[in-house]
């Protein structure tokens, strides 16, 4: 599953906002910054 879709399905943000957040590096997974939305 794509990270931005997971975030939107979890209710964290809309798909667009989640995609933008991942793209600019505002999301961390296991303590590492993720910059690819897929």
PDB file of N, CA and C in Angstrom:
ATOM      1  N   UNK A   1       0.840  -1.175   0.000  1.00  0.00           N
ATOM      2  CA  UNK A   1       0.000   0.000   0.000  1.00  0.00           C
ATOM      3  C   UNK A   1       0.889   1.243   0.000  1.00  0.00           C
ATOM      4  N   UNK A   2       0.491   2.227  -0.750  1.00  0.00           N
ATOM      5  CA  UNK A   2       1.247   3.477  -0.802  1.00  0.00           C
ATOM      6  C   UNK A   2       1.081   4.234   0.509  1.00  0.00           C
ATOM      7  N   UNK A   3       2.168   4.841   0.943  1.00  0.00           N
ATOM      8  CA  UNK A   3       2.181   5.502   2.245  1.00  0.00           C
ATOM      9  C   UNK A   3       1.144   6.612   2.333  1.00  0.00           C
ATOM     10  N   UNK A   4       1.016   7.433   1.295  1.00  0.00           N
ATOM     11  CA  UNK A   4       0.061   8.537   1.366  1.00  0.00           C
ATOM     12  C   UNK A   4      -1.373   8.027   1.431  1.00  0.00           C
ATOM     13  N   UNK A   5      -1.644   6.883   0.812  1.00  0.00           N
ATOM     14  CA  UNK A   5      -2.985   6.305   0.910  1.00  0.00           C
ATOM     15  C   UNK A   5      -3.232   5.752   2.312  1.00  0.00           C
ATOM     16  N   UNK A   6      -2.213   5.145   2.902  1.00  0.00           N
ATOM     17  CA  UNK A   6      -2.339   4.657   4.274  1.00  0.00           C
ATOM     18  C   UNK A   6      -2.655   5.806   5.221  1.00  0.00           C
ATOM     19  N   UNK A   7      -1.947   6.923   5.057  1.00  0.00           N
ATOM     20  CA  UNK A   7      -2.183   8.082   5.916  1.00  0.00           C
ATOM     21  C   UNK A   7      -3.596   8.622   5.741  1.00  0.00           C
ATOM     22  N   UNK A   8      -4.070   8.668   4.506  1.00  0.00           N
ATOM     23  CA  UNK A   8      -5.417   9.201   4.282  1.00  0.00           C
ATOM     24  C   UNK A   8      -6.486   8.242   4.806  1.00  0.00           C
ATOM     25  N   UNK A   9      -6.303   6.947   4.638  1.00  0.00           N
ATOM     26  CA  UNK A   9      -7.269   5.972   5.153  1.00  0.00           C
ATOM     27  C   UNK A   9      -7.274   5.947   6.676  1.00  0.00           C
ATOM     28  N   UNK A  10      -6.139   6.273   7.282  1.00  0.00           N
ATOM     29  CA  UNK A  10      -6.048   6.308   8.747  1.00  0.00           C
ATOM     30  C   UNK A  10      -6.690   7.556   9.327  1.00  0.00           C
ATOM     31  N   UNK A  11      -7.015   8.514   8.485  1.00  0.00           N
ATOM     32  CA  UNK A  11      -7.646   9.736   8.947  1.00  0.00           C
ATOM     33  C   UNK A  11      -6.665  10.811   9.378  1.00  0.00           C
ATOM     34  N   UNK A  12      -5.395  10.626   9.070  1.00  0.00           N
ATOM     35  CA  UNK A  12      -4.375  11.605   9.453  1.00  0.00           C
ATOM     36  C   UNK A  12      -4.500  12.863   8.605  1.00  0.00           C
ATOM     37  N   UNK A  13      -4.752  12.690   7.313  1.00  0.00           N
ATOM     38  CA  UNK A  13      -4.846  13.828   6.395  1.00  0.00           C
ATOM     39  C   UNK A  13      -5.604  13.386   5.150  1.00  0.00           C
ATOM     40  N   UNK A  14      -5.982  14.361   4.335  1.00  0.00           N
ATOM     41  CA  UNK A  14      -6.593  14.028   3.055  1.00  0.00           C
ATOM     42  C   UNK A  14      -5.518  13.428   2.150  1.00  0.00           C
ATOM     43  N   UNK A  15      -5.938  12.804   1.053  1.00  0.00           N
ATOM     44  CA  UNK A  15      -4.948  12.210   0.147  1.00  0.00           C
ATOM     45  C   UNK A  15      -3.975  13.254  -0.365  1.00  0.00           C
ATOM     46  N   UNK A  16      -4.489  14.399  -0.740  1.00  0.00           N
ATOM     47  CA  UNK A  16      -3.630  15.458  -1.275  1.00  0.00           C
ATOM     48  C   UNK A  16      -2.634  15.949  -0.232  1.00  0.00           C
ATOM     49  N   UNK A  17      -3.124  16.218   0.981  1.00  0.00           N
ATOM     50  CA  UNK A  17      -2.240  16.709   2.049  1.00  0.00           C
ATOM     51  C   UNK A  17      -1.219  15.642   2.450  1.00  0.00           C
ATOM     52  N   UNK A  18      -1.634  14.380   2.490  1.00  0.00           N
ATOM     53  CA  UNK A  18      -0.709  13.298   2.828  1.00  0.00           C
ATOM     54  C   UNK A  18       0.360  13.163   1.748  1.00  0.00           C
ATOM     55  N   UNK A  19      -0.037  13.251   0.490  1.00  0.00           N
ATOM     56  CA  UNK A  19       0.913  13.166  -0.625  1.00  0.00           C
ATOM     57  C   UNK A  19       1.933  14.297  -0.536  1.00  0.00           C
ATOM     58  N   UNK A  20       1.455  15.505  -0.250  1.00  0.00           N
ATOM     59  CA  UNK A  20       2.355  16.658  -0.130  1.00  0.00           C
ATOM     60  C   UNK A  20       3.288  16.507   1.067  1.00  0.00           C
ATOM     61  N   UNK A  21       2.769  16.034   2.187  1.00  0.00           N
ATOM     62  CA  UNK A  21       3.585  15.877   3.399  1.00  0.00           C
ATOM     63  C   UNK A  21       4.707  14.871   3.177  1.00  0.00           C
ATOM     64  N   UNK A  22       4.401  13.770   2.525  1.00  0.00           N
ATOM     65  CA  UNK A  22       5.428  12.768   2.244  1.00  0.00           C
ATOM     66  C   UNK A  22       6.437  13.327   1.250  1.00  0.00           C
ATOM     67  N   UNK A  23       5.955  14.025   0.246  1.00  0.00           N
ATOM     68  CA  UNK A  23       6.837  14.570  -0.788  1.00  0.00           C
ATOM     69  C   UNK A  23       7.859  15.569  -0.278  1.00  0.00           C
ATOM     70  N   UNK A  24       7.517  16.325   0.759  1.00  0.00           N
ATOM     71  CA  UNK A  24       8.456  17.326   1.285  1.00  0.00           C
ATOM     72  C   UNK A  24       9.226  16.814   2.501  1.00  0.00           C
ATOM     73  N   UNK A  25       9.032  15.546   2.850  1.00  0.00           N
ATOM     74  CA  UNK A  25       9.820  14.949   3.921  1.00  0.00           C
ATOM     75  C   UNK A  25       9.326  15.210   5.326  1.00  0.00           C
ATOM     76  N   UNK A  26       8.027  15.420   5.501  1.00  0.00           N
ATOM     77  CA  UNK A  26       7.475  15.664   6.841  1.00  0.00           C
ATOM     78  C   UNK A  26       6.969  14.390   7.507  1.00  0.00           C
ATOM     79  N   UNK A  27       7.210  13.237   6.891  1.00  0.00           N
ATOM     80  CA  UNK A  27       6.721  11.971   7.436  1.00  0.00           C
ATOM     81  C   UNK A  27       7.915  11.073   7.751  1.00  0.00           C
ATOM     82  N   UNK A  28       7.868  10.428   8.914  1.00  0.00           N
ATOM     83  CA  UNK A  28       8.914   9.494   9.311  1.00  0.00           C
ATOM     84  C   UNK A  28       8.312   8.109   9.507  1.00  0.00           C
ATOM     85  N   UNK A  29       9.065   7.093   9.078  1.00  0.00           N
ATOM     86  CA  UNK A  29       8.692   5.704   9.304  1.00  0.00           C
ATOM     87  C   UNK A  29       9.878   5.032   9.971  1.00  0.00           C
ATOM     88  N   UNK A  30       9.656   4.473  11.130  1.00  0.00           N
ATOM     89  CA  UNK A  30      10.728   3.847  11.916  1.00  0.00           C
ATOM     90  C   UNK A  30      11.886   4.807  12.144  1.00  0.00           C
ATOM     91  N   UNK A  31      11.575   6.073  12.370  1.00  0.00           N
ATOM     92  CA  UNK A  31      12.596   7.069  12.673  1.00  0.00           C
ATOM     93  C   UNK A  31      13.342   7.621  11.480  1.00  0.00           C
ATOM     94  N   UNK A  32      12.963   7.210  10.274  1.00  0.00           N
ATOM     95  CA  UNK A  32      13.636   7.696   9.065  1.00  0.00           C
ATOM     96  C   UNK A  32      12.666   8.522   8.235  1.00  0.00           C
ATOM     97  N   UNK A  33      13.156   9.636   7.720  1.00  0.00           N
ATOM     98  CA  UNK A  33      12.327  10.517   6.900  1.00  0.00           C
ATOM     99  C   UNK A  33      12.038   9.836   5.568  1.00  0.00           C
ATOM    100  N   UNK A  34      10.774   9.877   5.164  1.00  0.00           N
ATOM    101  CA  UNK A  34      10.345   9.294   3.895  1.00  0.00           C
ATOM    102  C   UNK A  34      10.014  10.436   2.953  1.00  0.00           C
ATOM    103  N   UNK A  35      10.565  10.397   1.738  1.00  0.00           N
ATOM    104  CA  UNK A  35      10.300  11.473   0.783  1.00  0.00           C
ATOM    105  C   UNK A  35       9.686  10.969  -0.518  1.00  0.00           C
ATOM    106  N   UNK A  36       9.397   9.672  -0.604  1.00  0.00           N
ATOM    107  CA  UNK A  36       8.727   9.125  -1.781  1.00  0.00           C
ATOM    108  C   UNK A  36       7.304   8.724  -1.394  1.00  0.00           C
ATOM    109  N   UNK A  37       6.296   9.279  -2.051  1.00  0.00           N
ATOM    110  CA  UNK A  37       4.907   8.994  -1.690  1.00  0.00           C
ATOM    111  C   UNK A  37       4.476   7.549  -1.928  1.00  0.00           C
ATOM    112  N   UNK A  38       5.166   6.848  -2.807  1.00  0.00           N
ATOM    113  CA  UNK A  38       4.743   5.472  -3.107  1.00  0.00           C
ATOM    114  C   UNK A  38       5.414   4.441  -2.246  1.00  0.00           C
TER     115      UNK A  38
END
